[in-house]
Amino acid sequence: MSIMSLRLPDSLHERAREIAKRDGTSINQLIATALAEKLSALDTVEYLKARGASGSRKEFLRVLGEVPPRPPISGDEPI
């Protein structure tokens, strides 16, 4: 574990305190979880960009062309 000093605006600190208390956790745990979620989202974006760059539009259209025509599932109809 590492120790990190963090400067927060008073309003953000107070809000974090309120949410942590409501959730029955510590501010430290709340911030660690929030940071983990943010890093995961950023990693996902990078992963998807890399996967997209390795794809082939021609191959995508070929595979899409193999899908049989069917009416949309209820609720998925065009507006």
PDB file of N, CA and C in Angstrom:
ATOM      1  N   MET A   1       0.847  -1.182   0.000  1.00  0.00           N
ATOM      2  CA  MET A   1       0.000   0.000   0.000  1.00  0.00           C
ATOM      3  C   MET A   1       0.884   1.234   0.000  1.00  0.00           C
ATOM      4  N   SER A   2       0.389   2.249  -0.664  1.00  0.00           N
ATOM      5  CA  SER A   2       1.078   3.536  -0.703  1.00  0.00           C
ATOM      6  C   SER A   2       0.242   4.583   0.015  1.00  0.00           C
ATOM      7  N   ILE A   3       0.911   5.591   0.486  1.00  0.00           N
ATOM      8  CA  ILE A   3       0.228   6.718   1.102  1.00  0.00           C
ATOM      9  C   ILE A   3       0.337   7.884   0.132  1.00  0.00           C
ATOM     10  N   MET A   4      -0.775   8.573  -0.059  1.00  0.00           N
ATOM     11  CA  MET A   4      -0.817   9.688  -0.996  1.00  0.00           C
ATOM     12  C   MET A   4      -1.521  10.858  -0.330  1.00  0.00           C
ATOM     13  N   SER A   5      -0.899  12.007  -0.406  1.00  0.00           N
ATOM     14  CA  SER A   5      -1.520  13.207   0.115  1.00  0.00           C
ATOM     15  C   SER A   5      -2.322  13.831  -1.012  1.00  0.00           C
ATOM     16  N   LEU A   6      -3.547  14.213  -0.732  1.00  0.00           N
ATOM     17  CA  LEU A   6      -4.440  14.713  -1.770  1.00  0.00           C
ATOM     18  C   LEU A   6      -5.090  16.001  -1.310  1.00  0.00           C
ATOM     19  N   ARG A   7      -5.039  17.006  -2.159  1.00  0.00           N
ATOM     20  CA  ARG A   7      -5.688  18.279  -1.853  1.00  0.00           C
ATOM     21  C   ARG A   7      -7.024  18.307  -2.586  1.00  0.00           C
ATOM     22  N   LEU A   8      -8.084  18.565  -1.828  1.00  0.00           N
ATOM     23  CA  LEU A   8      -9.426  18.625  -2.391  1.00  0.00           C
ATOM     24  C   LEU A   8     -10.094  19.931  -1.989  1.00  0.00           C
ATOM     25  N   PRO A   9     -10.923  20.480  -2.853  1.00  0.00           N
ATOM     26  CA  PRO A   9     -11.744  21.610  -2.419  1.00  0.00           C
ATOM     27  C   PRO A   9     -12.643  21.158  -1.258  1.00  0.00           C
ATOM     28  N   ASP A  10     -12.917  22.065  -0.342  1.00  0.00           N
ATOM     29  CA  ASP A  10     -13.729  21.724   0.824  1.00  0.00           C
ATOM     30  C   ASP A  10     -15.072  21.105   0.423  1.00  0.00           C
ATOM     31  N   SER A  11     -15.689  21.652  -0.610  1.00  0.00           N
ATOM     32  CA  SER A  11     -17.007  21.143  -1.018  1.00  0.00           C
ATOM     33  C   SER A  11     -16.930  19.696  -1.496  1.00  0.00           C
ATOM     34  N   LEU A  12     -15.872  19.359  -2.213  1.00  0.00           N
ATOM     35  CA  LEU A  12     -15.707  17.984  -2.698  1.00  0.00           C
ATOM     36  C   LEU A  12     -15.403  17.035  -1.543  1.00  0.00           C
ATOM     37  N   HIS A  13     -14.586  17.486  -0.613  1.00  0.00           N
ATOM     38  CA  HIS A  13     -14.260  16.683   0.563  1.00  0.00           C
ATOM     39  C   HIS A  13     -15.519  16.402   1.386  1.00  0.00           C
ATOM     40  N   GLU A  14     -16.325  17.426   1.596  1.00  0.00           N
ATOM     41  CA  GLU A  14     -17.560  17.260   2.373  1.00  0.00           C
ATOM     42  C   GLU A  14     -18.507  16.290   1.683  1.00  0.00           C
ATOM     43  N   ARG A  15     -18.633  16.426   0.371  1.00  0.00           N
ATOM     44  CA  ARG A  15     -19.525  15.522  -0.383  1.00  0.00           C
ATOM     45  C   ARG A  15     -19.019  14.082  -0.295  1.00  0.00           C
ATOM     46  N   ALA A  16     -17.713  13.893  -0.401  1.00  0.00           N
ATOM     47  CA  ALA A  16     -17.126  12.554  -0.278  1.00  0.00           C
ATOM     48  C   ALA A  16     -17.396  11.988   1.115  1.00  0.00           C
ATOM     49  N   ARG A  17     -17.277  12.827   2.138  1.00  0.00           N
ATOM     50  CA  ARG A  17     -17.546  12.397   3.516  1.00  0.00           C
ATOM     51  C   ARG A  17     -19.005  11.937   3.653  1.00  0.00           C
ATOM     52  N   GLU A  18     -19.929  12.715   3.072  1.00  0.00           N
ATOM     53  CA  GLU A  18     -21.360  12.375   3.146  1.00  0.00           C
ATOM     54  C   GLU A  18     -21.648  11.046   2.453  1.00  0.00           C
ATOM     55  N   ILE A  19     -21.104  10.874   1.269  1.00  0.00           N
ATOM     56  CA  ILE A  19     -21.368   9.646   0.511  1.00  0.00           C
ATOM     57  C   ILE A  19     -20.732   8.442   1.190  1.00  0.00           C
ATOM     58  N   ALA A  20     -19.519   8.591   1.683  1.00  0.00           N
ATOM     59  CA  ALA A  20     -18.864   7.490   2.385  1.00  0.00           C
ATOM     60  C   ALA A  20     -19.663   7.086   3.623  1.00  0.00           C
ATOM     61  N   LYS A  21     -20.126   8.071   4.363  1.00  0.00           N
ATOM     62  CA  LYS A  21     -20.917   7.777   5.566  1.00  0.00           C
ATOM     63  C   LYS A  21     -22.214   7.061   5.187  1.00  0.00           C
ATOM     64  N   ARG A  22     -22.892   7.567   4.145  1.00  0.00           N
ATOM     65  CA  ARG A  22     -24.141   6.951   3.691  1.00  0.00           C
ATOM     66  C   ARG A  22     -23.924   5.494   3.265  1.00  0.00           C
ATOM     67  N   ASP A  23     -22.765   5.253   2.616  1.00  0.00           N
ATOM     68  CA  ASP A  23     -22.465   3.901   2.131  1.00  0.00           C
ATOM     69  C   ASP A  23     -21.789   3.026   3.177  1.00  0.00           C
ATOM     70  N   GLY A  24     -21.517   3.579   4.340  1.00  0.00           N
ATOM     71  CA  GLY A  24     -20.898   2.802   5.410  1.00  0.00           C
ATOM     72  C   GLY A  24     -19.461   2.415   5.110  1.00  0.00           C
ATOM     73  N   THR A  25     -18.726   3.316   4.477  1.00  0.00           N
ATOM     74  CA  THR A  25     -17.334   3.056   4.144  1.00  0.00           C
ATOM     75  C   THR A  25     -16.498   4.268   4.512  1.00  0.00           C
ATOM     76  N   SER A  26     -15.211   4.171   4.307  1.00  0.00           N
ATOM     77  CA  SER A  26     -14.333   5.305   4.615  1.00  0.00           C
ATOM     78  C   SER A  26     -14.154   6.167   3.363  1.00  0.00           C
ATOM     79  N   ILE A  27     -13.744   7.407   3.587  1.00  0.00           N
ATOM     80  CA  ILE A  27     -13.446   8.287   2.460  1.00  0.00           C
ATOM     81  C   ILE A  27     -12.311   7.678   1.639  1.00  0.00           C
ATOM     82  N   ASN A  28     -11.340   7.086   2.319  1.00  0.00           N
ATOM     83  CA  ASN A  28     -10.217   6.454   1.632  1.00  0.00           C
ATOM     84  C   ASN A  28     -10.711   5.368   0.670  1.00  0.00           C
ATOM     85  N   GLN A  29     -11.602   4.524   1.159  1.00  0.00           N
ATOM     86  CA  GLN A  29     -12.133   3.446   0.323  1.00  0.00           C
ATOM     87  C   GLN A  29     -12.963   4.012  -0.827  1.00  0.00           C
ATOM     88  N   LEU A  30     -13.741   5.046  -0.557  1.00  0.00           N
ATOM     89  CA  LEU A  30     -14.543   5.681  -1.604  1.00  0.00           C
ATOM     90  C   LEU A  30     -13.647   6.220  -2.715  1.00  0.00           C
ATOM     91  N   ILE A  31     -12.583   6.915  -2.337  1.00  0.00           N
ATOM     92  CA  ILE A  31     -11.678   7.494  -3.337  1.00  0.00           C
ATOM     93  C   ILE A  31     -10.923   6.396  -4.084  1.00  0.00           C
ATOM     94  N   ALA A  32     -10.481   5.362  -3.384  1.00  0.00           N
ATOM     95  CA  ALA A  32      -9.776   4.260  -4.042  1.00  0.00           C
ATOM     96  C   ALA A  32     -10.686   3.568  -5.053  1.00  0.00           C
ATOM     97  N   THR A  33     -11.941   3.362  -4.683  1.00  0.00           N
ATOM     98  CA  THR A  33     -12.902   2.729  -5.587  1.00  0.00           C
ATOM     99  C   THR A  33     -13.202   3.624  -6.786  1.00  0.00           C
ATOM    100  N   ALA A  34     -13.389   4.916  -6.542  1.00  0.00           N
ATOM    101  CA  ALA A  34     -13.660   5.857  -7.628  1.00  0.00           C
ATOM    102  C   ALA A  34     -12.482   5.912  -8.600  1.00  0.00           C
ATOM    103  N   LEU A  35     -11.270   5.913  -8.078  1.00  0.00           N
ATOM    104  CA  LEU A  35     -10.088   5.930  -8.928  1.00  0.00           C
ATOM    105  C   LEU A  35      -9.982   4.639  -9.736  1.00  0.00           C
ATOM    106  N   ALA A  36     -10.262   3.504  -9.091  1.00  0.00           N
ATOM    107  CA  ALA A  36     -10.227   2.218  -9.804  1.00  0.00           C
ATOM    108  C   ALA A  36     -11.254   2.206 -10.936  1.00  0.00           C
ATOM    109  N   GLU A  37     -12.444   2.726 -10.686  1.00  0.00           N
ATOM    110  CA  GLU A  37     -13.477   2.781 -11.727  1.00  0.00           C
ATOM    111  C   GLU A  37     -13.038   3.665 -12.892  1.00  0.00           C
ATOM    112  N   LYS A  38     -12.456   4.814 -12.588  1.00  0.00           N
ATOM    113  CA  LYS A  38     -12.006   5.734 -13.636  1.00  0.00           C
ATOM    114  C   LYS A  38     -10.888   5.108 -14.462  1.00  0.00           C
ATOM    115  N   LEU A  39      -9.914   4.496 -13.796  1.00  0.00           N
ATOM    116  CA  LEU A  39      -8.813   3.855 -14.515  1.00  0.00           C
ATOM    117  C   LEU A  39      -9.316   2.713 -15.388  1.00  0.00           C
ATOM    118  N   SER A  40     -10.276   1.966 -14.885  1.00  0.00           N
ATOM    119  CA  SER A  40     -10.862   0.878 -15.664  1.00  0.00           C
ATOM    120  C   SER A  40     -11.553   1.417 -16.915  1.00  0.00           C
ATOM    121  N   ALA A  41     -12.286   2.508 -16.770  1.00  0.00           N
ATOM    122  CA  ALA A  41     -12.964   3.108 -17.924  1.00  0.00           C
ATOM    123  C   ALA A  41     -11.949   3.590 -18.952  1.00  0.00           C
ATOM    124  N   LEU A  42     -10.879   4.233 -18.505  1.00  0.00           N
ATOM    125  CA  LEU A  42      -9.854   4.706 -19.433  1.00  0.00           C
ATOM    126  C   LEU A  42      -9.154   3.538 -20.121  1.00  0.00           C
ATOM    127  N   ASP A  43      -8.853   2.491 -19.365  1.00  0.00           N
ATOM    128  CA  ASP A  43      -8.235   1.300 -19.957  1.00  0.00           C
ATOM    129  C   ASP A  43      -9.155   0.663 -20.993  1.00  0.00           C
ATOM    130  N   THR A  44     -10.451   0.659 -20.712  1.00  0.00           N
ATOM    131  CA  THR A  44     -11.416   0.076 -21.642  1.00  0.00           C
ATOM    132  C   THR A  44     -11.451   0.855 -22.945  1.00  0.00           C
ATOM    133  N   VAL A  45     -11.425   2.169 -22.859  1.00  0.00           N
ATOM    134  CA  VAL A  45     -11.420   3.003 -24.062  1.00  0.00           C
ATOM    135  C   VAL A  45     -10.176   2.700 -24.902  1.00  0.00           C
ATOM    136  N   GLU A  46      -9.024   2.633 -24.259  1.00  0.00           N
ATOM    137  CA  GLU A  46      -7.785   2.320 -24.979  1.00  0.00           C
ATOM    138  C   GLU A  46      -7.860   0.936 -25.620  1.00  0.00           C
ATOM    139  N   TYR A  47      -8.381  -0.040 -24.884  1.00  0.00           N
ATOM    140  CA  TYR A  47      -8.510  -1.403 -25.398  1.00  0.00           C
ATOM    141  C   TYR A  47      -9.421  -1.435 -26.626  1.00  0.00           C
ATOM    142  N   LEU A  48     -10.565  -0.761 -26.537  1.00  0.00           N
ATOM    143  CA  LEU A  48     -11.508  -0.761 -27.652  1.00  0.00           C
ATOM    144  C   LEU A  48     -10.949  -0.041 -28.875  1.00  0.00           C
ATOM    145  N   LYS A  49     -10.200   1.036 -28.656  1.00  0.00           N
ATOM    146  CA  LYS A  49      -9.564   1.730 -29.776  1.00  0.00           C
ATOM    147  C   LYS A  49      -8.561   0.805 -30.467  1.00  0.00           C
ATOM    148  N   ALA A  50      -7.766   0.107 -29.682  1.00  0.00           N
ATOM    149  CA  ALA A  50      -6.779  -0.816 -30.259  1.00  0.00           C
ATOM    150  C   ALA A  50      -7.471  -1.944 -31.019  1.00  0.00           C
ATOM    151  N   ARG A  51      -8.524  -2.496 -30.437  1.00  0.00           N
ATOM    152  CA  ARG A  51      -9.273  -3.561 -31.123  1.00  0.00           C
ATOM    153  C   ARG A  51      -9.903  -3.043 -32.405  1.00  0.00           C
ATOM    154  N   GLY A  52     -10.469  -1.846 -32.353  1.00  0.00           N
ATOM    155  CA  GLY A  52     -11.091  -1.253 -33.532  1.00  0.00           C
ATOM    156  C   GLY A  52     -10.089  -1.005 -34.643  1.00  0.00           C
ATOM    157  N   ALA A  53      -8.887  -0.579 -34.267  1.00  0.00           N
ATOM    158  CA  ALA A  53      -7.851  -0.290 -35.264  1.00  0.00           C
ATOM    159  C   ALA A  53      -7.380  -1.562 -35.957  1.00  0.00           C
ATOM    160  N   SER A  54      -7.527  -2.701 -35.283  1.00  0.00           N
ATOM    161  CA  SER A  54      -7.065  -3.953 -35.890  1.00  0.00           C
ATOM    162  C   SER A  54      -8.154  -4.625 -36.724  1.00  0.00           C
ATOM    163  N   GLY A  55      -9.342  -4.042 -36.725  1.00  0.00           N
ATOM    164  CA  GLY A  55     -10.454  -4.640 -37.460  1.00  0.00           C
ATOM    165  C   GLY A  55     -10.423  -4.303 -38.938  1.00  0.00           C
ATOM    166  N   SER A  56     -11.268  -4.996 -39.676  1.00  0.00           N
ATOM    167  CA  SER A  56     -11.380  -4.798 -41.110  1.00  0.00           C
ATOM    168  C   SER A  56     -12.832  -4.492 -41.452  1.00  0.00           C
ATOM    169  N   ARG A  57     -13.069  -3.338 -42.040  1.00  0.00           N
ATOM    170  CA  ARG A  57     -14.436  -2.974 -42.445  1.00  0.00           C
ATOM    171  C   ARG A  57     -14.971  -3.977 -43.466  1.00  0.00           C
ATOM    172  N   LYS A  58     -14.113  -4.390 -44.376  1.00  0.00           N
ATOM    173  CA  LYS A  58     -14.516  -5.359 -45.398  1.00  0.00           C
ATOM    174  C   LYS A  58     -14.982  -6.659 -44.739  1.00  0.00           C
ATOM    175  N   GLU A  59     -14.220  -7.146 -43.763  1.00  0.00           N
ATOM    176  CA  GLU A  59     -14.588  -8.384 -43.065  1.00  0.00           C
ATOM    177  C   GLU A  59     -15.864  -8.190 -42.256  1.00  0.00           C
ATOM    178  N   PHE A  60     -16.000  -7.020 -41.612  1.00  0.00           N
ATOM    179  CA  PHE A  60     -17.212  -6.711 -40.855  1.00  0.00           C
ATOM    180  C   PHE A  60     -18.439  -6.777 -41.759  1.00  0.00           C
ATOM    181  N   LEU A  61     -18.358  -6.137 -42.911  1.00  0.00           N
ATOM    182  CA  LEU A  61     -19.494  -6.127 -43.834  1.00  0.00           C
ATOM    183  C   LEU A  61     -19.786  -7.526 -44.377  1.00  0.00           C
ATOM    184  N   ARG A  62     -18.732  -8.322 -44.574  1.00  0.00           N
ATOM    185  CA  ARG A  62     -18.928  -9.701 -45.041  1.00  0.00           C
ATOM    186  C   ARG A  62     -19.709 -10.509 -44.002  1.00  0.00           C
ATOM    187  N   VAL A  63     -19.290 -10.409 -42.756  1.00  0.00           N
ATOM    188  CA  VAL A  63     -19.963 -11.155 -41.683  1.00  0.00           C
ATOM    189  C   VAL A  63     -21.383 -10.635 -41.496  1.00  0.00           C
ATOM    190  N   LEU A  64     -21.554  -9.334 -41.525  1.00  0.00           N
ATOM    191  CA  LEU A  64     -22.882  -8.743 -41.381  1.00  0.00           C
ATOM    192  C   LEU A  64     -23.808  -9.227 -42.490  1.00  0.00           C
ATOM    193  N   GLY A  65     -23.256  -9.416 -43.678  1.00  0.00           N
ATOM    194  CA  GLY A  65     -24.038  -9.904 -44.807  1.00  0.00           C
ATOM    195  C   GLY A  65     -24.539 -11.324 -44.630  1.00  0.00           C
ATOM    196  N   GLU A  66     -23.962 -12.066 -43.710  1.00  0.00           N
ATOM    197  CA  GLU A  66     -24.382 -13.447 -43.444  1.00  0.00           C
ATOM    198  C   GLU A  66     -25.557 -13.530 -42.479  1.00  0.00           C
ATOM    199  N   VAL A  67     -25.918 -12.420 -41.861  1.00  0.00           N
ATOM    200  CA  VAL A  67     -27.028 -12.405 -40.910  1.00  0.00           C
ATOM    201  C   VAL A  67     -28.336 -12.441 -41.693  1.00  0.00           C
ATOM    202  N   PRO A  68     -29.201 -13.423 -41.391  1.00  0.00           N
ATOM    203  CA  PRO A  68     -30.461 -13.503 -42.129  1.00  0.00           C
ATOM    204  C   PRO A  68     -31.383 -12.337 -41.779  1.00  0.00           C
ATOM    205  N   PRO A  69     -32.163 -11.870 -42.751  1.00  0.00           N
ATOM    206  CA  PRO A  69     -33.092 -10.772 -42.465  1.00  0.00           C
ATOM    207  C   PRO A  69     -34.214 -11.231 -41.540  1.00  0.00           C
ATOM    208  N   ARG A  70     -34.456 -10.471 -40.509  1.00  0.00           N
ATOM    209  CA  ARG A  70     -35.514 -10.779 -39.541  1.00  0.00           C
ATOM    210  C   ARG A  70     -36.110  -9.470 -39.066  1.00  0.00           C
ATOM    211  N   PRO A  71     -37.377  -9.491 -38.660  1.00  0.00           N
ATOM    212  CA  PRO A  71     -37.952  -8.265 -38.088  1.00  0.00           C
ATOM    213  C   PRO A  71     -37.294  -7.976 -36.741  1.00  0.00           C
ATOM    214  N   PRO A  72     -37.259  -6.708 -36.342  1.00  0.00           N
ATOM    215  CA  PRO A  72     -36.647  -6.374 -35.051  1.00  0.00           C
ATOM    216  C   PRO A  72     -37.413  -6.962 -33.878  1.00  0.00           C
ATOM    217  N   ILE A  73     -36.685  -7.210 -32.814  1.00  0.00           N
ATOM    218  CA  ILE A  73     -37.302  -7.677 -31.572  1.00  0.00           C
ATOM    219  C   ILE A  73     -38.198  -6.559 -31.055  1.00  0.00           C
ATOM    220  N   SER A  74     -39.297  -6.910 -30.429  1.00  0.00           N
ATOM    221  CA  SER A  74     -40.234  -5.932 -29.894  1.00  0.00           C
ATOM    222  C   SER A  74     -39.497  -4.922 -29.009  1.00  0.00           C
ATOM    223  N   GLY A  75     -39.687  -3.658 -29.308  1.00  0.00           N
ATOM    224  CA  GLY A  75     -39.025  -2.591 -28.577  1.00  0.00           C
ATOM    225  C   GLY A  75     -37.814  -2.046 -29.306  1.00  0.00           C
ATOM    226  N   ASP A  76     -37.302  -2.786 -30.300  1.00  0.00           N
ATOM    227  CA  ASP A  76     -36.132  -2.352 -31.075  1.00  0.00           C
ATOM    228  C   ASP A  76     -36.521  -1.789 -32.449  1.00  0.00           C
ATOM    229  N   GLU A  77     -37.815  -1.575 -32.659  1.00  0.00           N
ATOM    230  CA  GLU A  77     -38.250  -1.061 -33.951  1.00  0.00           C
ATOM    231  C   GLU A  77     -37.711   0.350 -34.160  1.00  0.00           C
ATOM    232  N   PRO A  78     -37.458   0.729 -35.427  1.00  0.00           N
ATOM    233  CA  PRO A  78     -37.019   2.103 -35.686  1.00  0.00           C
ATOM    234  C   PRO A  78     -38.120   3.102 -35.308  1.00  0.00           C
ATOM    235  N   ILE A  79     -37.713   4.248 -34.935  1.00  0.00           N
ATOM    236  CA  ILE A  79     -38.660   5.290 -34.532  1.00  0.00           C
ATOM    237  C   ILE A  79     -39.250   5.954 -35.758  1.00  0.00           C
TER     238      ILE A  79
END
